[in-house]
Amino acid sequence: MLTVDFRRFPVEPGDRLLDLGCGAGRHAFEAFRRGAQVTACDADEGELRTVASIATAMEEAGESPALAQAVAVGGDATAMPFGDGVFDRVIAAEVLEHIADDQAALHEIARVLRPGGLLAVTVPAWLPERVCWLLSDDYHNVPGGHVRIYTRPELEAKLRRAGLTVGGHHHAHGLHSPYWWLKCAVGVANDDHPLARAYHRLLVWDIM
């Protein structure tokens, strides 16, 4: 599931794009298909190996244009192993809510993004996230879980403190909030619960 709308976040062939906190690589792969020179960065080495393997398979299958490149790089969002201004585009999708020092991460993003470059940030909406926190301590206490809930003014203030200019915003994927409320009610790790499985099938159907 893409949380970044590429109709609002244009990526052109040859663009140098960083997918920070890439996870399983969903945004990295979409940018790769669009011809970008993609750097997928994450702290999870297992995820990076998977992303690199899939990118290689995509290239071999002809799913990427001639100018497209994809590399997977391990790194810390608060101290990235990249030079200043080396990326035309940066994506940080569902990442900042996991980082203890999110302001340091935003300063790093501003550093590696070239002047005039574009940044796409996505975070969970305040109200659905607050419901999850109220329903389950496990939701936000697990290692690597969410450490904060953002309001729009708070997030915009942090972006500006990092020297970034705030543009437009939008909301998406409202069907996913009830899924996580349900997971919090039946157990965050209980993927086999009949209700959780049924709702997951609905989400997959909606995406397809």
N, C-alpha and C. Protein backbone atom coordinates (compact mmCIF):
# COMPACT_ATOMS: atom_id res chain seq x y z
N MET A 1 0.83 -1.19 0.00
CA MET A 1 0.00 0.00 0.00
C MET A 1 0.87 1.25 0.00
N LEU A 2 0.67 2.12 -0.99
CA LEU A 2 1.41 3.37 -1.05
C LEU A 2 0.71 4.42 -0.19
N THR A 3 1.46 5.06 0.68
CA THR A 3 0.91 6.17 1.46
C THR A 3 1.29 7.51 0.85
N VAL A 4 2.22 7.52 -0.09
CA VAL A 4 2.57 8.72 -0.83
C VAL A 4 1.83 8.70 -2.16
N ASP A 5 1.17 9.80 -2.48
CA ASP A 5 0.44 9.93 -3.74
C ASP A 5 1.39 10.50 -4.79
N PHE A 6 1.82 9.66 -5.72
CA PHE A 6 2.80 10.09 -6.71
C PHE A 6 2.20 11.05 -7.75
N ARG A 7 0.90 11.24 -7.74
CA ARG A 7 0.31 12.29 -8.58
C ARG A 7 0.58 13.66 -7.97
N ARG A 8 0.75 13.71 -6.66
CA ARG A 8 1.04 14.97 -5.96
C ARG A 8 2.54 15.13 -5.71
N PHE A 9 3.27 14.06 -5.85
CA PHE A 9 4.71 14.04 -5.57
C PHE A 9 5.41 13.53 -6.82
N PRO A 10 5.65 14.40 -7.81
CA PRO A 10 6.17 13.94 -9.10
C PRO A 10 7.59 13.40 -9.00
N VAL A 11 7.81 12.27 -9.61
CA VAL A 11 9.13 11.65 -9.70
C VAL A 11 9.42 11.41 -11.18
N GLU A 12 10.53 11.99 -11.66
CA GLU A 12 10.89 11.91 -13.07
C GLU A 12 12.07 10.96 -13.26
N PRO A 13 12.22 10.41 -14.47
CA PRO A 13 13.39 9.57 -14.75
C PRO A 13 14.68 10.31 -14.43
N GLY A 14 15.57 9.64 -13.74
CA GLY A 14 16.85 10.23 -13.37
C GLY A 14 16.86 10.96 -12.04
N ASP A 15 15.69 11.21 -11.45
CA ASP A 15 15.66 11.86 -10.13
C ASP A 15 16.38 11.00 -9.10
N ARG A 16 17.18 11.64 -8.27
CA ARG A 16 17.86 10.95 -7.17
C ARG A 16 16.90 10.96 -5.97
N LEU A 17 16.41 9.79 -5.62
CA LEU A 17 15.36 9.70 -4.59
C LEU A 17 15.80 8.83 -3.43
N LEU A 18 15.58 9.35 -2.23
CA LEU A 18 15.83 8.59 -1.00
C LEU A 18 14.51 8.15 -0.40
N ASP A 19 14.37 6.84 -0.19
CA ASP A 19 13.24 6.30 0.57
C ASP A 19 13.76 5.98 1.96
N LEU A 20 13.56 6.91 2.89
CA LEU A 20 14.10 6.78 4.25
C LEU A 20 13.16 5.94 5.10
N GLY A 21 13.73 4.92 5.77
CA GLY A 21 12.88 3.99 6.50
C GLY A 21 12.05 3.19 5.53
N CYS A 22 12.71 2.66 4.52
CA CYS A 22 12.02 2.05 3.37
C CYS A 22 11.20 0.83 3.72
N GLY A 23 11.55 0.14 4.82
CA GLY A 23 10.81 -1.07 5.17
C GLY A 23 10.86 -2.09 4.05
N ALA A 24 9.70 -2.57 3.64
CA ALA A 24 9.63 -3.58 2.58
C ALA A 24 9.82 -3.00 1.19
N GLY A 25 9.92 -1.67 1.07
CA GLY A 25 10.30 -1.07 -0.20
C GLY A 25 9.19 -0.62 -1.12
N ARG A 26 7.97 -0.51 -0.60
CA ARG A 26 6.85 -0.23 -1.51
C ARG A 26 7.03 1.09 -2.28
N HIS A 27 7.49 2.14 -1.63
CA HIS A 27 7.68 3.42 -2.33
C HIS A 27 8.96 3.40 -3.17
N ALA A 28 9.98 2.72 -2.68
CA ALA A 28 11.21 2.60 -3.47
C ALA A 28 10.93 1.92 -4.80
N PHE A 29 10.13 0.87 -4.79
CA PHE A 29 9.83 0.15 -6.02
C PHE A 29 9.01 1.00 -6.98
N GLU A 30 8.07 1.77 -6.46
CA GLU A 30 7.26 2.63 -7.34
C GLU A 30 8.14 3.69 -8.00
N ALA A 31 9.06 4.29 -7.24
CA ALA A 31 9.97 5.28 -7.80
C ALA A 31 10.91 4.63 -8.82
N PHE A 32 11.35 3.40 -8.54
CA PHE A 32 12.21 2.64 -9.45
C PHE A 32 11.49 2.42 -10.78
N ARG A 33 10.23 2.06 -10.73
CA ARG A 33 9.44 1.87 -11.95
C ARG A 33 9.32 3.16 -12.76
N ARG A 34 9.39 4.29 -12.07
CA ARG A 34 9.26 5.58 -12.73
C ARG A 34 10.60 6.11 -13.24
N GLY A 35 11.65 5.32 -13.08
CA GLY A 35 12.94 5.69 -13.64
C GLY A 35 13.88 6.44 -12.71
N ALA A 36 13.55 6.51 -11.43
CA ALA A 36 14.40 7.24 -10.49
C ALA A 36 15.67 6.45 -10.14
N GLN A 37 16.65 7.17 -9.67
CA GLN A 37 17.85 6.56 -9.09
C GLN A 37 17.60 6.48 -7.58
N VAL A 38 17.19 5.31 -7.14
CA VAL A 38 16.61 5.13 -5.81
C VAL A 38 17.65 4.64 -4.81
N THR A 39 17.68 5.29 -3.65
CA THR A 39 18.42 4.78 -2.50
C THR A 39 17.40 4.41 -1.43
N ALA A 40 17.31 3.14 -1.13
CA ALA A 40 16.41 2.65 -0.08
C ALA A 40 17.23 2.51 1.19
N CYS A 41 16.85 3.24 2.23
CA CYS A 41 17.63 3.28 3.47
C CYS A 41 16.78 2.81 4.64
N ASP A 42 17.36 1.94 5.46
CA ASP A 42 16.65 1.43 6.63
C ASP A 42 17.67 0.92 7.62
N ALA A 43 17.26 0.80 8.88
CA ALA A 43 18.13 0.23 9.91
C ALA A 43 18.03 -1.28 9.97
N ASP A 44 17.03 -1.85 9.31
CA ASP A 44 16.78 -3.29 9.35
C ASP A 44 17.50 -3.96 8.18
N GLU A 45 18.56 -4.70 8.47
CA GLU A 45 19.35 -5.31 7.41
C GLU A 45 18.57 -6.37 6.65
N GLY A 46 17.68 -7.07 7.34
CA GLY A 46 16.87 -8.08 6.67
C GLY A 46 15.96 -7.46 5.63
N GLU A 47 15.32 -6.35 5.98
CA GLU A 47 14.47 -5.65 5.02
C GLU A 47 15.29 -5.18 3.82
N LEU A 48 16.49 -4.67 4.07
CA LEU A 48 17.33 -4.17 2.99
C LEU A 48 17.72 -5.28 2.03
N ARG A 49 18.03 -6.45 2.55
CA ARG A 49 18.37 -7.58 1.67
C ARG A 49 17.19 -7.94 0.78
N THR A 50 16.00 -7.93 1.36
CA THR A 50 14.80 -8.24 0.58
C THR A 50 14.57 -7.19 -0.50
N VAL A 51 14.70 -5.92 -0.14
CA VAL A 51 14.51 -4.83 -1.11
C VAL A 51 15.51 -4.95 -2.25
N ALA A 52 16.77 -5.21 -1.92
CA ALA A 52 17.80 -5.34 -2.96
C ALA A 52 17.49 -6.51 -3.89
N SER A 53 17.04 -7.61 -3.33
CA SER A 53 16.72 -8.80 -4.13
C SER A 53 15.55 -8.53 -5.07
N ILE A 54 14.51 -7.88 -4.56
CA ILE A 54 13.34 -7.59 -5.40
C ILE A 54 13.69 -6.58 -6.49
N ALA A 55 14.50 -5.57 -6.16
CA ALA A 55 14.90 -4.59 -7.17
C ALA A 55 15.69 -5.25 -8.29
N THR A 56 16.56 -6.19 -7.94
CA THR A 56 17.31 -6.92 -8.96
C THR A 56 16.37 -7.73 -9.85
N ALA A 57 15.40 -8.39 -9.23
CA ALA A 57 14.43 -9.17 -10.00
C ALA A 57 13.60 -8.27 -10.92
N MET A 58 13.23 -7.08 -10.44
CA MET A 58 12.48 -6.14 -11.27
C MET A 58 13.30 -5.70 -12.48
N GLU A 59 14.58 -5.43 -12.25
CA GLU A 59 15.45 -5.02 -13.34
C GLU A 59 15.59 -6.13 -14.38
N GLU A 60 15.78 -7.36 -13.90
CA GLU A 60 15.92 -8.49 -14.81
C GLU A 60 14.64 -8.76 -15.59
N ALA A 61 13.49 -8.43 -14.99
CA ALA A 61 12.20 -8.64 -15.65
C ALA A 61 11.80 -7.47 -16.55
N GLY A 62 12.65 -6.45 -16.63
CA GLY A 62 12.36 -5.31 -17.48
C GLY A 62 11.31 -4.37 -16.92
N GLU A 63 11.16 -4.35 -15.59
CA GLU A 63 10.14 -3.50 -14.97
C GLU A 63 10.65 -2.11 -14.63
N SER A 64 11.90 -1.82 -14.97
CA SER A 64 12.45 -0.50 -14.67
C SER A 64 13.04 0.11 -15.94
N PRO A 65 12.88 1.43 -16.15
CA PRO A 65 13.45 2.09 -17.33
C PRO A 65 14.97 2.09 -17.32
N ALA A 66 15.55 2.50 -18.43
CA ALA A 66 17.00 2.42 -18.60
C ALA A 66 17.77 3.24 -17.58
N LEU A 67 17.27 4.42 -17.23
CA LEU A 67 17.99 5.29 -16.30
C LEU A 67 17.83 4.88 -14.84
N ALA A 68 16.89 3.99 -14.57
CA ALA A 68 16.58 3.64 -13.18
C ALA A 68 17.73 2.88 -12.53
N GLN A 69 17.94 3.19 -11.26
CA GLN A 69 18.90 2.47 -10.43
C GLN A 69 18.28 2.27 -9.05
N ALA A 70 18.72 1.25 -8.35
CA ALA A 70 18.23 1.02 -6.99
C ALA A 70 19.34 0.41 -6.15
N VAL A 71 19.62 1.04 -5.02
CA VAL A 71 20.59 0.51 -4.07
C VAL A 71 19.96 0.52 -2.69
N ALA A 72 20.36 -0.42 -1.85
CA ALA A 72 19.87 -0.52 -0.48
C ALA A 72 21.03 -0.20 0.46
N VAL A 73 20.81 0.75 1.37
CA VAL A 73 21.88 1.24 2.24
C VAL A 73 21.39 1.25 3.69
N GLY A 74 22.18 0.66 4.57
CA GLY A 74 21.86 0.71 5.99
C GLY A 74 22.19 2.08 6.57
N GLY A 75 21.38 2.54 7.50
CA GLY A 75 21.67 3.84 8.08
C GLY A 75 20.70 4.25 9.17
N ASP A 76 21.12 5.24 9.93
CA ASP A 76 20.34 5.84 11.02
C ASP A 76 19.75 7.14 10.51
N ALA A 77 18.46 7.32 10.66
CA ALA A 77 17.79 8.53 10.16
C ALA A 77 18.33 9.80 10.80
N THR A 78 18.92 9.69 11.98
CA THR A 78 19.43 10.88 12.66
C THR A 78 20.90 11.16 12.34
N ALA A 79 21.53 10.29 11.57
CA ALA A 79 22.93 10.48 11.16
C ALA A 79 23.15 9.70 9.87
N MET A 80 22.60 10.19 8.78
CA MET A 80 22.60 9.44 7.53
C MET A 80 23.97 9.46 6.85
N PRO A 81 24.33 8.36 6.19
CA PRO A 81 25.65 8.25 5.55
C PRO A 81 25.67 8.84 4.14
N PHE A 82 25.13 10.05 3.97
CA PHE A 82 25.05 10.69 2.66
C PHE A 82 25.55 12.12 2.75
N GLY A 83 26.02 12.63 1.62
CA GLY A 83 26.50 14.00 1.57
C GLY A 83 25.37 15.01 1.57
N ASP A 84 25.74 16.28 1.63
CA ASP A 84 24.76 17.36 1.64
C ASP A 84 24.13 17.52 0.26
N GLY A 85 22.81 17.68 0.22
CA GLY A 85 22.12 18.03 -1.01
C GLY A 85 22.22 17.02 -2.13
N VAL A 86 22.31 15.74 -1.80
CA VAL A 86 22.54 14.73 -2.84
C VAL A 86 21.25 14.15 -3.42
N PHE A 87 20.09 14.47 -2.85
CA PHE A 87 18.83 13.90 -3.33
C PHE A 87 17.89 14.99 -3.84
N ASP A 88 17.21 14.66 -4.95
CA ASP A 88 16.19 15.54 -5.50
C ASP A 88 14.84 15.34 -4.81
N ARG A 89 14.61 14.14 -4.33
CA ARG A 89 13.36 13.76 -3.69
C ARG A 89 13.68 12.91 -2.46
N VAL A 90 12.92 13.11 -1.39
CA VAL A 90 13.03 12.27 -0.19
C VAL A 90 11.63 11.86 0.23
N ILE A 91 11.48 10.58 0.54
CA ILE A 91 10.23 10.06 1.09
C ILE A 91 10.50 9.56 2.51
N ALA A 92 9.67 9.98 3.45
CA ALA A 92 9.71 9.45 4.82
C ALA A 92 8.28 9.05 5.16
N ALA A 93 7.91 7.83 4.80
CA ALA A 93 6.52 7.38 4.91
C ALA A 93 6.34 6.50 6.14
N GLU A 94 5.52 6.97 7.07
CA GLU A 94 5.24 6.23 8.31
C GLU A 94 6.53 5.91 9.05
N VAL A 95 7.39 6.90 9.17
CA VAL A 95 8.72 6.71 9.77
C VAL A 95 8.90 7.56 11.02
N LEU A 96 8.56 8.84 10.95
CA LEU A 96 8.91 9.77 12.03
C LEU A 96 8.30 9.38 13.36
N GLU A 97 7.12 8.77 13.34
CA GLU A 97 6.47 8.39 14.60
C GLU A 97 7.21 7.28 15.34
N HIS A 98 8.20 6.65 14.67
CA HIS A 98 9.00 5.60 15.30
C HIS A 98 10.31 6.13 15.89
N ILE A 99 10.69 7.36 15.58
CA ILE A 99 12.02 7.87 15.90
C ILE A 99 11.97 8.75 17.15
N ALA A 100 12.79 8.41 18.13
CA ALA A 100 12.79 9.16 19.39
C ALA A 100 13.13 10.63 19.16
N ASP A 101 14.20 10.89 18.41
CA ASP A 101 14.61 12.27 18.12
C ASP A 101 14.18 12.62 16.70
N ASP A 102 12.91 12.83 16.52
CA ASP A 102 12.40 13.11 15.17
C ASP A 102 12.91 14.43 14.63
N GLN A 103 13.18 15.40 15.51
CA GLN A 103 13.70 16.68 15.02
C GLN A 103 15.08 16.51 14.41
N ALA A 104 15.92 15.67 15.01
CA ALA A 104 17.23 15.40 14.42
C ALA A 104 17.09 14.73 13.06
N ALA A 105 16.13 13.82 12.94
CA ALA A 105 15.90 13.16 11.65
C ALA A 105 15.47 14.17 10.60
N LEU A 106 14.61 15.12 10.97
CA LEU A 106 14.16 16.13 10.01
C LEU A 106 15.30 17.05 9.60
N HIS A 107 16.19 17.38 10.51
CA HIS A 107 17.36 18.19 10.16
C HIS A 107 18.25 17.42 9.18
N GLU A 108 18.38 16.12 9.38
CA GLU A 108 19.17 15.30 8.46
C GLU A 108 18.51 15.23 7.08
N ILE A 109 17.20 15.10 7.06
CA ILE A 109 16.48 15.10 5.78
C ILE A 109 16.73 16.42 5.04
N ALA A 110 16.62 17.53 5.76
CA ALA A 110 16.86 18.83 5.14
C ALA A 110 18.29 18.95 4.62
N ARG A 111 19.22 18.32 5.31
CA ARG A 111 20.63 18.39 4.90
C ARG A 111 20.87 17.64 3.59
N VAL A 112 20.30 16.43 3.46
CA VAL A 112 20.60 15.61 2.28
C VAL A 112 19.73 15.98 1.07
N LEU A 113 18.67 16.75 1.28
CA LEU A 113 17.79 17.17 0.19
C LEU A 113 18.37 18.43 -0.46
N ARG A 114 18.46 18.41 -1.77
CA ARG A 114 19.02 19.58 -2.47
C ARG A 114 18.08 20.78 -2.34
N PRO A 115 18.62 22.00 -2.44
CA PRO A 115 17.76 23.18 -2.44
C PRO A 115 16.72 23.07 -3.56
N GLY A 116 15.47 23.30 -3.23
CA GLY A 116 14.40 23.18 -4.22
C GLY A 116 13.88 21.77 -4.40
N GLY A 117 14.46 20.81 -3.69
CA GLY A 117 13.98 19.43 -3.79
C GLY A 117 12.65 19.25 -3.06
N LEU A 118 12.07 18.07 -3.23
CA LEU A 118 10.76 17.80 -2.64
C LEU A 118 10.84 16.68 -1.61
N LEU A 119 10.09 16.86 -0.54
CA LEU A 119 9.98 15.87 0.53
C LEU A 119 8.52 15.47 0.70
N ALA A 120 8.28 14.17 0.81
CA ALA A 120 6.95 13.66 1.16
C ALA A 120 7.04 12.96 2.51
N VAL A 121 6.24 13.43 3.46
CA VAL A 121 6.18 12.84 4.80
C VAL A 121 4.76 12.34 5.04
N THR A 122 4.63 11.10 5.51
CA THR A 122 3.32 10.62 5.93
C THR A 122 3.42 10.10 7.36
N VAL A 123 2.39 10.40 8.15
CA VAL A 123 2.29 9.92 9.53
C VAL A 123 0.83 9.54 9.79
N PRO A 124 0.58 8.70 10.79
CA PRO A 124 -0.81 8.39 11.14
C PRO A 124 -1.56 9.64 11.60
N ALA A 125 -2.83 9.72 11.24
CA ALA A 125 -3.67 10.84 11.69
C ALA A 125 -3.87 10.77 13.20
N TRP A 126 -4.05 11.94 13.83
CA TRP A 126 -4.08 12.02 15.29
C TRP A 126 -5.21 11.18 15.89
N LEU A 127 -6.44 11.35 15.45
CA LEU A 127 -7.57 10.70 16.11
C LEU A 127 -7.53 9.18 15.99
N PRO A 128 -7.36 8.61 14.80
CA PRO A 128 -7.28 7.14 14.73
C PRO A 128 -6.13 6.58 15.56
N GLU A 129 -5.01 7.30 15.57
CA GLU A 129 -3.86 6.83 16.34
C GLU A 129 -4.15 6.90 17.84
N ARG A 130 -4.81 7.95 18.27
CA ARG A 130 -5.15 8.10 19.69
C ARG A 130 -6.06 6.97 20.15
N VAL A 131 -7.00 6.57 19.31
CA VAL A 131 -7.88 5.44 19.65
C VAL A 131 -7.05 4.17 19.85
N CYS A 132 -6.08 3.94 18.97
CA CYS A 132 -5.22 2.76 19.11
C CYS A 132 -4.47 2.77 20.44
N TRP A 133 -3.94 3.92 20.81
CA TRP A 133 -3.21 4.02 22.07
C TRP A 133 -4.12 3.75 23.27
N LEU A 134 -5.36 4.19 23.18
CA LEU A 134 -6.29 3.96 24.27
C LEU A 134 -6.72 2.50 24.36
N LEU A 135 -6.80 1.83 23.23
CA LEU A 135 -7.26 0.44 23.21
C LEU A 135 -6.19 -0.55 23.65
N SER A 136 -4.92 -0.23 23.38
CA SER A 136 -3.88 -1.24 23.62
C SER A 136 -2.55 -0.60 23.97
N ASP A 137 -2.00 -0.99 25.13
CA ASP A 137 -0.64 -0.57 25.47
C ASP A 137 0.38 -1.23 24.57
N ASP A 138 0.09 -2.46 24.14
CA ASP A 138 1.03 -3.17 23.28
C ASP A 138 1.27 -2.43 21.97
N TYR A 139 0.27 -1.71 21.50
CA TYR A 139 0.38 -1.03 20.21
C TYR A 139 1.55 -0.06 20.18
N HIS A 140 1.78 0.64 21.29
CA HIS A 140 2.83 1.66 21.29
C HIS A 140 4.00 1.34 22.21
N ASN A 141 3.97 0.19 22.88
CA ASN A 141 5.07 -0.18 23.77
C ASN A 141 6.00 -1.24 23.20
N VAL A 142 5.65 -1.81 22.06
CA VAL A 142 6.51 -2.83 21.48
C VAL A 142 7.78 -2.18 20.95
N PRO A 143 8.92 -2.90 20.95
CA PRO A 143 10.15 -2.34 20.39
C PRO A 143 9.95 -1.92 18.93
N GLY A 144 10.38 -0.71 18.62
CA GLY A 144 10.21 -0.21 17.26
C GLY A 144 8.84 0.35 16.97
N GLY A 145 7.98 0.42 18.00
CA GLY A 145 6.62 0.92 17.80
C GLY A 145 6.55 2.43 17.75
N HIS A 146 5.33 2.93 17.73
CA HIS A 146 5.12 4.38 17.66
C HIS A 146 5.42 5.02 19.01
N VAL A 147 6.19 6.09 18.99
CA VAL A 147 6.57 6.76 20.24
C VAL A 147 5.86 8.09 20.43
N ARG A 148 5.08 8.52 19.44
CA ARG A 148 4.34 9.78 19.58
C ARG A 148 3.17 9.80 18.62
N ILE A 149 2.24 10.71 18.90
CA ILE A 149 1.12 10.98 18.00
C ILE A 149 1.23 12.44 17.57
N TYR A 150 1.18 12.68 16.27
CA TYR A 150 1.31 14.04 15.75
C TYR A 150 -0.05 14.71 15.55
N THR A 151 -0.10 15.99 15.85
CA THR A 151 -1.13 16.84 15.27
C THR A 151 -0.51 17.52 14.06
N ARG A 152 -1.34 17.97 13.16
CA ARG A 152 -0.80 18.65 11.98
C ARG A 152 0.03 19.88 12.34
N PRO A 153 -0.43 20.77 13.25
CA PRO A 153 0.40 21.92 13.60
C PRO A 153 1.75 21.53 14.20
N GLU A 154 1.78 20.47 15.01
CA GLU A 154 3.05 20.04 15.62
C GLU A 154 4.02 19.57 14.55
N LEU A 155 3.53 18.76 13.61
CA LEU A 155 4.41 18.25 12.57
C LEU A 155 4.90 19.38 11.67
N GLU A 156 4.01 20.28 11.31
CA GLU A 156 4.42 21.39 10.45
C GLU A 156 5.45 22.28 11.15
N ALA A 157 5.30 22.48 12.46
CA ALA A 157 6.27 23.28 13.20
C ALA A 157 7.65 22.62 13.19
N LYS A 158 7.68 21.30 13.34
CA LYS A 158 8.96 20.59 13.33
C LYS A 158 9.61 20.65 11.94
N LEU A 159 8.81 20.55 10.90
CA LEU A 159 9.34 20.66 9.54
C LEU A 159 9.97 22.04 9.34
N ARG A 160 9.29 23.07 9.78
CA ARG A 160 9.82 24.43 9.61
C ARG A 160 11.08 24.65 10.44
N ARG A 161 11.13 24.06 11.64
CA ARG A 161 12.34 24.21 12.47
C ARG A 161 13.55 23.57 11.80
N ALA A 162 13.30 22.59 10.96
CA ALA A 162 14.40 21.94 10.23
C ALA A 162 14.79 22.73 8.98
N GLY A 163 14.11 23.85 8.74
CA GLY A 163 14.43 24.67 7.58
C GLY A 163 13.67 24.28 6.33
N LEU A 164 12.63 23.47 6.48
CA LEU A 164 11.85 23.00 5.34
C LEU A 164 10.61 23.88 5.15
N THR A 165 10.18 24.01 3.91
CA THR A 165 8.97 24.76 3.59
C THR A 165 7.80 23.80 3.47
N VAL A 166 6.73 24.08 4.18
CA VAL A 166 5.57 23.19 4.20
C VAL A 166 4.65 23.50 3.02
N GLY A 167 4.29 22.46 2.28
CA GLY A 167 3.37 22.61 1.16
C GLY A 167 2.00 22.07 1.51
N GLY A 168 1.39 21.35 0.57
CA GLY A 168 0.04 20.83 0.77
C GLY A 168 0.01 19.59 1.64
N HIS A 169 -1.20 19.18 2.00
CA HIS A 169 -1.38 17.96 2.77
C HIS A 169 -2.70 17.33 2.36
N HIS A 170 -2.84 16.05 2.65
CA HIS A 170 -4.12 15.38 2.39
C HIS A 170 -4.21 14.15 3.28
N HIS A 171 -5.41 13.59 3.37
CA HIS A 171 -5.66 12.38 4.15
C HIS A 171 -6.02 11.24 3.21
N ALA A 172 -5.63 10.03 3.58
CA ALA A 172 -5.91 8.87 2.73
C ALA A 172 -5.99 7.61 3.58
N HIS A 173 -6.50 6.55 2.96
CA HIS A 173 -6.52 5.21 3.55
C HIS A 173 -7.33 5.14 4.84
N GLY A 174 -8.51 5.76 4.85
CA GLY A 174 -9.36 5.74 6.03
C GLY A 174 -9.83 4.36 6.43
N LEU A 175 -9.89 3.43 5.48
CA LEU A 175 -10.33 2.08 5.80
C LEU A 175 -9.35 1.35 6.72
N HIS A 176 -8.12 1.82 6.78
CA HIS A 176 -7.13 1.11 7.59
C HIS A 176 -7.25 1.39 9.08
N SER A 177 -7.86 2.52 9.43
CA SER A 177 -7.98 2.84 10.86
C SER A 177 -8.81 1.81 11.61
N PRO A 178 -10.01 1.43 11.12
CA PRO A 178 -10.77 0.40 11.84
C PRO A 178 -10.04 -0.93 11.94
N TYR A 179 -9.21 -1.22 10.94
CA TYR A 179 -8.43 -2.47 11.02
C TYR A 179 -7.53 -2.46 12.24
N TRP A 180 -6.83 -1.35 12.46
CA TRP A 180 -5.92 -1.28 13.61
C TRP A 180 -6.68 -1.17 14.93
N TRP A 181 -7.84 -0.55 14.92
CA TRP A 181 -8.66 -0.56 16.14
C TRP A 181 -9.05 -2.00 16.49
N LEU A 182 -9.42 -2.75 15.48
CA LEU A 182 -9.79 -4.15 15.68
C LEU A 182 -8.60 -4.95 16.19
N LYS A 183 -7.43 -4.72 15.60
CA LYS A 183 -6.22 -5.43 16.04
C LYS A 183 -5.89 -5.10 17.49
N CYS A 184 -6.05 -3.85 17.86
CA CYS A 184 -5.79 -3.46 19.24
C CYS A 184 -6.76 -4.14 20.20
N ALA A 185 -7.99 -4.32 19.76
CA ALA A 185 -9.01 -4.93 20.62
C ALA A 185 -8.80 -6.43 20.80
N VAL A 186 -8.38 -7.13 19.74
CA VAL A 186 -8.24 -8.59 19.81
C VAL A 186 -6.81 -9.02 20.11
N GLY A 187 -5.86 -8.08 20.07
CA GLY A 187 -4.45 -8.39 20.29
C GLY A 187 -3.64 -7.99 19.08
N VAL A 188 -2.69 -7.08 19.28
CA VAL A 188 -1.92 -6.53 18.16
C VAL A 188 -1.21 -7.63 17.37
N ALA A 189 -0.74 -8.66 18.06
CA ALA A 189 -0.01 -9.74 17.40
C ALA A 189 -0.91 -10.89 16.97
N ASN A 190 -2.21 -10.77 17.20
CA ASN A 190 -3.14 -11.87 16.92
C ASN A 190 -3.66 -11.79 15.48
N ASP A 191 -2.78 -12.12 14.53
CA ASP A 191 -3.16 -12.05 13.12
C ASP A 191 -4.15 -13.14 12.72
N ASP A 192 -4.29 -14.17 13.53
CA ASP A 192 -5.16 -15.29 13.17
C ASP A 192 -6.59 -15.13 13.66
N HIS A 193 -6.88 -14.05 14.38
CA HIS A 193 -8.25 -13.85 14.83
C HIS A 193 -9.18 -13.72 13.62
N PRO A 194 -10.33 -14.40 13.63
CA PRO A 194 -11.22 -14.39 12.45
C PRO A 194 -11.61 -12.99 11.99
N LEU A 195 -11.88 -12.08 12.92
CA LEU A 195 -12.27 -10.73 12.53
C LEU A 195 -11.11 -9.98 11.89
N ALA A 196 -9.92 -10.14 12.46
CA ALA A 196 -8.74 -9.48 11.89
C ALA A 196 -8.45 -10.01 10.50
N ARG A 197 -8.56 -11.31 10.33
CA ARG A 197 -8.30 -11.91 9.01
C ARG A 197 -9.34 -11.45 7.99
N ALA A 198 -10.59 -11.38 8.40
CA ALA A 198 -11.65 -10.97 7.47
C ALA A 198 -11.45 -9.51 7.04
N TYR A 199 -11.10 -8.65 7.99
CA TYR A 199 -10.91 -7.24 7.63
C TYR A 199 -9.68 -7.09 6.76
N HIS A 200 -8.64 -7.88 7.03
CA HIS A 200 -7.44 -7.82 6.20
C HIS A 200 -7.76 -8.19 4.75
N ARG A 201 -8.61 -9.19 4.57
CA ARG A 201 -9.01 -9.57 3.21
C ARG A 201 -9.75 -8.41 2.52
N LEU A 202 -10.56 -7.69 3.29
CA LEU A 202 -11.26 -6.53 2.74
C LEU A 202 -10.26 -5.47 2.28
N LEU A 203 -9.23 -5.22 3.07
CA LEU A 203 -8.24 -4.22 2.71
C LEU A 203 -7.49 -4.62 1.45
N VAL A 204 -7.12 -5.89 1.36
CA VAL A 204 -6.42 -6.37 0.16
C VAL A 204 -7.32 -6.20 -1.07
N TRP A 205 -8.60 -6.53 -0.91
CA TRP A 205 -9.55 -6.37 -2.02
C TRP A 205 -9.65 -4.90 -2.43
N ASP A 206 -9.67 -3.99 -1.45
CA ASP A 206 -9.79 -2.57 -1.75
C ASP A 206 -8.56 -2.05 -2.49
N ILE A 207 -7.37 -2.52 -2.10
CA ILE A 207 -6.14 -2.09 -2.76
C ILE A 207 -6.09 -2.59 -4.19
N MET A 208 -6.53 -3.83 -4.39
CA MET A 208 -6.50 -4.42 -5.72
C MET A 208 -7.51 -3.74 -6.64
